Protein backbone atom coordinates (compact mmCIF):
# COMPACT_ATOMS: atom_id res chain seq x y z
CA MET A 1 -0.07 0.04 -0.10
CA ALA A 2 1.36 3.41 -1.03
CA SER A 3 2.14 5.57 2.05
CA SER A 4 0.10 8.42 0.40
CA SER A 5 -3.00 6.46 -0.35
CA LEU A 6 -5.67 5.18 1.98
CA PHE A 7 -6.46 2.33 -0.46
CA LEU A 8 -4.49 -0.43 -2.20
CA GLU A 9 -3.35 0.73 -5.57
CA THR A 10 -3.80 -2.87 -6.90
CA LYS A 11 -7.39 -3.16 -5.96
CA ARG A 12 -10.68 -1.67 -7.33
CA TYR A 13 -12.86 -0.53 -4.43
CA VAL A 14 -16.66 0.02 -4.90
CA ALA A 15 -18.59 2.31 -2.40
CA LEU A 16 -22.15 2.83 -2.04
CA VAL A 17 -23.03 6.32 -0.60
CA THR A 18 -26.87 7.09 0.17
CA GLY A 19 -27.87 10.57 0.02
CA SER A 20 -24.85 11.84 -1.81
CA SER A 21 -26.57 14.65 -3.87
CA ARG A 22 -25.64 17.18 -1.23
CA GLY A 23 -24.13 17.92 1.98
CA ILE A 24 -22.10 15.43 3.86
CA GLY A 25 -22.90 12.55 1.48
CA LYS A 26 -21.81 14.69 -1.51
CA ALA A 27 -18.48 15.41 0.23
CA ILE A 28 -17.95 11.89 1.25
CA ALA A 29 -18.53 10.71 -2.34
CA GLU A 30 -16.26 13.16 -3.89
CA GLU A 31 -13.56 12.40 -1.51
CA PHE A 32 -13.64 8.72 -2.47
CA ARG A 33 -13.50 9.70 -6.03
CA THR A 34 -10.33 11.70 -5.49
CA LEU A 35 -8.73 8.58 -4.09
CA GLY A 36 -9.74 6.29 -7.03
CA VAL A 37 -12.76 4.59 -5.37
CA HIS A 38 -15.81 3.81 -7.66
CA VAL A 39 -18.76 5.36 -6.16
CA LEU A 40 -22.35 4.27 -6.50
CA ALA A 41 -24.44 7.34 -5.83
CA PRO A 42 -27.99 6.37 -6.53
CA GLU A 43 -30.79 9.04 -6.99
CA ARG A 44 -34.17 8.72 -5.31
CA SER A 45 -35.55 7.37 -8.48
CA GLU A 46 -33.30 4.44 -8.27
CA LEU A 47 -33.27 4.01 -4.38
CA ASP A 48 -35.94 5.36 -2.37
CA LEU A 49 -35.33 4.65 1.31
CA ASP A 50 -38.87 5.33 2.20
CA SER A 51 -39.87 2.45 0.22
CA PRO A 52 -39.14 -1.24 1.27
CA THR A 53 -39.91 -2.29 -2.34
CA SER A 54 -37.47 0.03 -3.77
CA ILE A 55 -34.69 -1.21 -1.31
CA SER A 56 -35.51 -4.74 -2.09
CA ARG A 57 -35.16 -4.13 -5.92
CA PHE A 58 -31.94 -1.95 -5.61
CA GLY A 59 -30.47 -4.80 -3.33
CA GLU A 60 -31.29 -7.49 -5.76
CA ARG A 61 -29.76 -5.50 -8.76
CA TYR A 62 -26.38 -4.66 -7.03
CA LYS A 63 -25.77 -7.33 -4.41
CA ASP A 64 -23.37 -9.07 -6.81
CA GLN A 65 -21.63 -5.83 -7.84
CA GLY A 66 -18.77 -6.19 -5.52
CA ILE A 67 -19.55 -3.42 -2.96
CA ASP A 68 -16.85 -3.20 -0.55
CA ILE A 69 -17.92 -0.12 1.42
CA LEU A 70 -21.43 0.91 2.57
CA VAL A 71 -21.90 4.57 3.78
CA ASN A 72 -25.43 4.92 5.15
CA ASN A 73 -25.72 8.64 5.01
CA ALA A 74 -29.20 9.60 3.81
CA GLY A 75 -31.51 10.67 6.61
CA ILE A 76 -34.47 13.06 7.52
CA ASN A 77 -35.33 15.08 10.48
CA VAL A 78 -38.82 16.30 11.18
CA LEU A 79 -38.87 18.57 14.23
CA SER A 80 -41.83 18.01 16.42
CA ALA A 81 -42.76 18.03 19.93
CA ILE A 82 -43.71 14.69 21.66
CA ASP A 83 -47.57 15.51 21.77
CA GLN A 84 -47.46 16.80 18.11
CA ILE A 85 -45.48 14.34 16.11
CA SER A 86 -47.69 12.33 13.81
CA SER A 87 -47.51 8.62 13.39
CA ASP A 88 -46.84 9.14 9.57
CA ASP A 89 -43.72 11.15 10.47
CA TRP A 90 -42.55 8.90 13.10
CA ASN A 91 -42.79 5.77 10.96
CA ARG A 92 -41.23 7.57 7.82
CA MET A 93 -38.16 8.60 10.24
CA ILE A 94 -37.83 5.02 11.49
CA GLN A 95 -38.00 3.55 7.91
CA VAL A 96 -35.55 6.19 6.34
CA ASN A 97 -33.04 6.73 9.18
CA LEU A 98 -32.86 3.08 10.69
CA THR A 99 -34.79 0.32 8.67
CA ALA A 100 -33.28 1.40 5.45
CA PRO A 101 -29.59 1.15 6.78
CA PHE A 102 -30.42 -2.17 8.28
CA LYS A 103 -31.74 -3.60 5.05
CA LEU A 104 -28.82 -2.26 3.15
CA ILE A 105 -26.34 -3.91 5.57
CA GLN A 106 -28.31 -7.03 5.54
CA CYS A 107 -28.13 -7.12 1.74
CA PHE A 108 -24.49 -6.29 1.02
CA ALA A 109 -22.74 -7.76 4.02
CA PRO A 110 -22.75 -11.39 2.56
CA GLY A 111 -20.80 -9.95 -0.32
CA MET A 112 -18.26 -8.53 1.95
CA LYS A 113 -18.05 -11.71 3.95
CA LYS A 114 -17.03 -13.61 1.07
CA LYS A 115 -14.24 -11.38 0.36
CA ASN A 116 -13.28 -11.27 4.10
CA TRP A 117 -13.06 -7.45 3.79
CA GLY A 118 -15.63 -4.57 4.12
CA ARG A 119 -16.38 -1.38 5.71
CA ILE A 120 -19.66 -0.25 6.98
CA LEU A 121 -20.25 3.46 8.04
CA ASN A 122 -23.56 4.85 9.31
CA ILE A 123 -23.94 8.57 9.44
CA SER A 124 -25.55 9.08 12.85
CA SER A 125 -25.57 12.34 14.80
CA ILE A 126 -24.62 13.88 18.15
CA PHE A 127 -28.50 13.65 18.79
CA GLY A 128 -27.89 9.96 19.04
CA VAL A 129 -25.84 10.65 22.12
CA VAL A 130 -27.27 13.82 23.57
CA THR A 131 -30.65 15.43 22.56
CA LYS A 132 -32.83 18.62 22.76
CA GLU A 133 -36.54 19.51 22.48
CA ASN A 134 -38.33 18.67 19.29
CA ARG A 135 -35.97 15.69 18.44
CA LEU A 136 -37.83 12.81 19.65
CA ALA A 137 -37.92 10.78 16.60
CA TYR A 138 -34.64 11.94 15.37
CA SER A 139 -32.74 11.02 18.46
CA THR A 140 -34.46 7.73 18.74
CA THR A 141 -33.57 6.73 15.14
CA LYS A 142 -29.96 7.96 15.57
CA SER A 143 -29.62 5.98 18.76
CA GLY A 144 -30.91 3.07 17.24
CA LEU A 145 -28.53 3.39 14.41
CA ASN A 146 -25.49 3.49 16.85
CA GLY A 147 -27.00 0.44 18.43
CA LEU A 148 -27.31 -1.24 14.88
CA THR A 149 -23.41 -0.34 14.28
CA ARG A 150 -22.40 -1.85 17.50
CA THR A 151 -24.00 -5.32 17.03
CA THR A 152 -23.01 -5.23 13.32
CA SER A 153 -19.26 -4.83 14.34
CA VAL A 154 -19.61 -7.68 16.61
CA GLU A 155 -21.35 -10.12 14.29
CA LEU A 156 -19.11 -9.30 11.11
CA GLY A 157 -15.80 -8.53 12.76
CA SER A 158 -14.51 -12.10 12.19
CA TYR A 159 -14.87 -11.64 8.55
CA GLY A 160 -12.70 -8.53 8.33
CA ILE A 161 -15.57 -6.19 8.25
CA LEU A 162 -15.40 -2.94 10.32
CA ALA A 163 -18.43 -1.10 11.23
CA ASN A 164 -18.66 2.51 12.67
CA SER A 165 -21.02 5.21 13.12
CA LEU A 166 -19.94 8.87 12.58
CA CYS A 167 -21.79 11.27 14.73
CA PRO A 168 -21.57 14.98 13.44
CA GLY A 169 -22.49 17.91 15.51
CA TYR A 170 -23.58 20.97 13.77
CA VAL A 171 -22.42 21.01 10.01
CA ASP A 172 -22.85 23.88 7.74
CA THR A 173 -25.32 22.20 5.34
CA GLU A 174 -28.72 23.11 3.59
CA LEU A 175 -30.55 20.83 6.18
CA THR A 176 -29.03 22.72 9.12
CA ARG A 177 -29.95 26.15 7.80
CA LYS A 178 -33.34 24.66 7.08
CA ASN A 179 -33.88 23.51 10.77
CA ASN A 180 -32.26 26.55 12.46
CA SER A 181 -32.75 30.46 11.99
CA SER A 182 -29.79 32.57 11.39
CA VAL A 183 -30.16 33.91 14.90
CA GLU A 184 -30.29 30.30 16.13
CA ILE A 185 -27.21 29.29 14.22
CA ALA A 186 -25.33 32.28 15.73
CA THR A 187 -26.28 31.07 19.19
CA ILE A 188 -25.15 27.54 18.42
CA GLU A 189 -21.84 28.51 17.28
CA LYS A 190 -21.28 30.52 20.56
CA LYS A 191 -21.76 27.18 22.34
CA ILE A 192 -19.25 25.29 20.30
CA PRO A 193 -15.73 25.74 21.63
CA LEU A 194 -14.10 26.03 18.18
CA GLY A 195 -16.57 28.94 17.64
CA ARG A 196 -18.06 27.62 14.39
CA MET A 197 -19.90 24.76 12.64
CA ALA A 198 -18.06 22.03 10.75
CA LYS A 199 -17.35 22.09 7.14
CA THR A 200 -18.45 19.02 5.07
CA GLU A 201 -14.95 18.39 3.91
CA GLU A 202 -13.91 17.81 7.53
CA LEU A 203 -16.36 15.17 7.96
CA SER A 204 -15.62 13.44 4.65
CA LYS A 205 -11.95 12.96 5.19
CA LEU A 206 -12.59 11.30 8.75
CA ALA A 207 -15.53 9.14 6.92
CA VAL A 208 -13.03 8.04 4.32
CA PHE A 209 -10.47 7.14 6.73
CA LEU A 210 -12.82 4.92 8.63
CA CYS A 211 -13.72 3.07 5.29
CA SER A 212 -10.08 2.66 4.29
CA GLU A 213 -7.28 0.16 4.58
CA HIS A 214 -5.52 2.59 7.11
CA ASN A 215 -8.26 1.76 9.41
CA SER A 216 -7.55 -1.75 10.58
CA TYR A 217 -8.71 -2.03 14.25
CA LEU A 218 -11.26 0.75 14.85
CA THR A 219 -14.87 -0.80 14.85
CA GLY A 220 -18.05 -0.63 16.82
CA GLN A 221 -17.65 3.07 17.68
CA SER A 222 -19.81 5.99 17.72
CA ILE A 223 -17.26 8.80 16.84
CA LEU A 224 -18.52 12.35 17.80
CA ILE A 225 -17.03 15.11 15.50
CA ASP A 226 -18.73 18.17 16.96
CA GLY A 227 -16.05 20.77 17.61
CA GLY A 228 -16.37 20.03 21.38
CA PHE A 229 -20.08 20.76 21.72
CA THR A 230 -21.06 17.88 23.69
CA CYS A 231 -18.06 18.57 26.20
CA LEU A 232 -19.83 21.47 27.61
């Protein structure tokens, strides 16, 4: 392995990154490409995580395509108080944020096991570790995703498959600015020891390391990258 590369130069790697059209997912996909990794970045018309049928069809189509790396990045966050969240919103967030990653792991882990190598990265959130008001469903799904990660790492570790969760804090993305006003963002940044939100490329570099050959022993972890926000 070349010292300058996170991946073997003699091997062709294939990574599936969900939710890669914008934000964190887009940055991760671009980082993989710069390192020579072939990226599958399905649009919603090809893979609709809100549809069990769509997930099953996608899995059948790609399960034998040699996917080495699975990044479950796509997610939704509907803000609502406990007594106001609808059953539809609750069920949809469970489906997209938790059930869909489970089904994709279930589909592509067998191929990784055959090669005795694989990397699974679930993009969770600090709100899977801490929480705040109006995040009931979101925190529940992200906590569940961290649990899914831990058990996945235990069950698949003997096959050379590493599974981790990356738990971002506040990141300067479209979703963050949708869910928080400019005044709220200014207030949030004052609470972050580094004084700012994360850039997507800061997350993507860590994400790609966790999925690389350079990571050979880190598994089953929920890694917070939040500028120190949860330390206060």
